[in-house]
Amino acid sequence: MRGRTKQSALCVSRLVQSLPKEHPCDVIARQLLRSGIAVGASYRAACRAKSCVDFISKMDTVEEEVDESSY
């Protein structure tokens, strides 16, 4: 999963760079970049969870970021 989330962040980054530099696209691009990169960061945080409950909570955050990015 670490490799996949990193690849995903790189793909999102390339996609954002390819978007037109107009205001509406810029707003969307910034949000997509934030949520797309947060997937990997949140997953890494989940891997460092202190308990099973903490892991599940952090993975919920990963799922939210993936959902936001796909939207």
C-alpha atoms as a PDB file:
ATOM      1  CA  MET A   1       0.000   0.000   0.000  1.00  0.00           C
ATOM      2  CA  ARG A   2       2.839   2.441   0.680  1.00  0.00           C
ATOM      3  CA  GLY A   3       4.042   2.154  -2.880  1.00  0.00           C
ATOM      4  CA  ARG A   4       0.531   2.462  -4.269  1.00  0.00           C
ATOM      5  CA  THR A   5      -0.298   5.561  -2.242  1.00  0.00           C
ATOM      6  CA  LYS A   6       2.990   7.157  -3.288  1.00  0.00           C
ATOM      7  CA  GLN A   7       2.312   6.357  -6.958  1.00  0.00           C
ATOM      8  CA  SER A   8      -1.178   7.789  -6.570  1.00  0.00           C
ATOM      9  CA  ALA A   9       0.212  11.044  -5.133  1.00  0.00           C
ATOM     10  CA  LEU A  10       2.657  11.309  -8.035  1.00  0.00           C
ATOM     11  CA  CYS A  11      -0.145  10.738 -10.561  1.00  0.00           C
ATOM     12  CA  VAL A  12      -2.303  13.377  -8.882  1.00  0.00           C
ATOM     13  CA  SER A  13       0.629  15.786  -8.953  1.00  0.00           C
ATOM     14  CA  ARG A  14       1.163  15.233 -12.678  1.00  0.00           C
ATOM     15  CA  LEU A  15      -2.554  15.639 -13.341  1.00  0.00           C
ATOM     16  CA  VAL A  16      -2.673  18.927 -11.432  1.00  0.00           C
ATOM     17  CA  GLN A  17       0.334  20.231 -13.372  1.00  0.00           C
ATOM     18  CA  SER A  18      -1.438  19.470 -16.650  1.00  0.00           C
ATOM     19  CA  LEU A  19      -4.588  21.458 -15.808  1.00  0.00           C
ATOM     20  CA  PRO A  20      -5.128  24.921 -17.309  1.00  0.00           C
ATOM     21  CA  LYS A  21      -3.922  27.813 -15.161  1.00  0.00           C
ATOM     22  CA  GLU A  22      -7.346  29.470 -14.927  1.00  0.00           C
ATOM     23  CA  HIS A  23      -9.075  30.420 -11.695  1.00  0.00           C
ATOM     24  CA  PRO A  24     -11.762  27.685 -11.536  1.00  0.00           C
ATOM     25  CA  CYS A  25      -9.239  24.978 -12.440  1.00  0.00           C
ATOM     26  CA  ASP A  26      -6.721  26.417 -10.001  1.00  0.00           C
ATOM     27  CA  VAL A  27      -9.136  26.144  -7.082  1.00  0.00           C
ATOM     28  CA  ILE A  28     -10.010  22.548  -7.944  1.00  0.00           C
ATOM     29  CA  ALA A  29      -6.367  21.665  -8.590  1.00  0.00           C
ATOM     30  CA  ARG A  30      -5.253  22.898  -5.188  1.00  0.00           C
ATOM     31  CA  GLN A  31      -7.924  20.880  -3.389  1.00  0.00           C
ATOM     32  CA  LEU A  32      -7.197  17.772  -5.448  1.00  0.00           C
ATOM     33  CA  LEU A  33      -3.492  18.087  -4.740  1.00  0.00           C
ATOM     34  CA  ARG A  34      -4.112  18.434  -0.993  1.00  0.00           C
ATOM     35  CA  SER A  35      -6.478  15.484  -0.736  1.00  0.00           C
ATOM     36  CA  GLY A  36      -4.498  13.321  -3.175  1.00  0.00           C
ATOM     37  CA  ILE A  37      -1.277  13.701  -1.248  1.00  0.00           C
ATOM     38  CA  ALA A  38      -3.051  13.366   2.106  1.00  0.00           C
ATOM     39  CA  VAL A  39      -4.028   9.793   1.203  1.00  0.00           C
ATOM     40  CA  GLY A  40      -0.422   8.615   1.446  1.00  0.00           C
ATOM     41  CA  ALA A  41       0.370  10.737   4.470  1.00  0.00           C
ATOM     42  CA  SER A  42      -2.693   9.464   6.318  1.00  0.00           C
ATOM     43  CA  TYR A  43      -1.885   5.867   5.396  1.00  0.00           C
ATOM     44  CA  ARG A  44       1.642   6.246   6.776  1.00  0.00           C
ATOM     45  CA  ALA A  45       0.161   7.665   9.967  1.00  0.00           C
ATOM     46  CA  ALA A  46      -2.165   4.654  10.186  1.00  0.00           C
ATOM     47  CA  CYS A  47       0.833   2.336   9.914  1.00  0.00           C
ATOM     48  CA  ARG A  48       2.225   3.987  13.050  1.00  0.00           C
ATOM     49  CA  ALA A  49      -1.016   3.538  14.996  1.00  0.00           C
ATOM     50  CA  LYS A  50      -0.697   2.733  18.695  1.00  0.00           C
ATOM     51  CA  SER A  51      -3.659   0.350  18.779  1.00  0.00           C
ATOM     52  CA  CYS A  52      -6.149  -1.448  16.582  1.00  0.00           C
ATOM     53  CA  VAL A  53      -8.761   1.207  17.342  1.00  0.00           C
ATOM     54  CA  ASP A  54      -6.284   3.963  16.431  1.00  0.00           C
ATOM     55  CA  PHE A  55      -5.446   2.156  13.174  1.00  0.00           C
ATOM     56  CA  ILE A  56      -9.118   1.881  12.214  1.00  0.00           C
ATOM     57  CA  SER A  57      -9.678   5.550  13.010  1.00  0.00           C
ATOM     58  CA  LYS A  58      -6.721   6.614  10.883  1.00  0.00           C
ATOM     59  CA  MET A  59      -7.789   4.337   8.032  1.00  0.00           C
ATOM     60  CA  ASP A  60     -11.191   6.051   8.117  1.00  0.00           C
ATOM     61  CA  THR A  61      -9.320   9.275   7.395  1.00  0.00           C
ATOM     62  CA  VAL A  62      -7.539   7.571   4.485  1.00  0.00           C
ATOM     63  CA  GLU A  63     -10.884   6.456   3.101  1.00  0.00           C
ATOM     64  CA  GLU A  64     -12.289   9.989   3.397  1.00  0.00           C
ATOM     65  CA  GLU A  65      -9.310  11.457   1.530  1.00  0.00           C
ATOM     66  CA  VAL A  66      -9.592   8.853  -1.237  1.00  0.00           C
ATOM     67  CA  ASP A  67     -13.299   9.557  -1.572  1.00  0.00           C
ATOM     68  CA  GLU A  68     -12.691  13.316  -1.712  1.00  0.00           C
ATOM     69  CA  SER A  69      -9.966  12.882  -4.332  1.00  0.00           C
ATOM     70  CA  SER A  70     -12.103  10.635  -6.516  1.00  0.00           C
ATOM     71  CA  TYR A  71     -14.976  13.100  -6.379  1.00  0.00           C
END
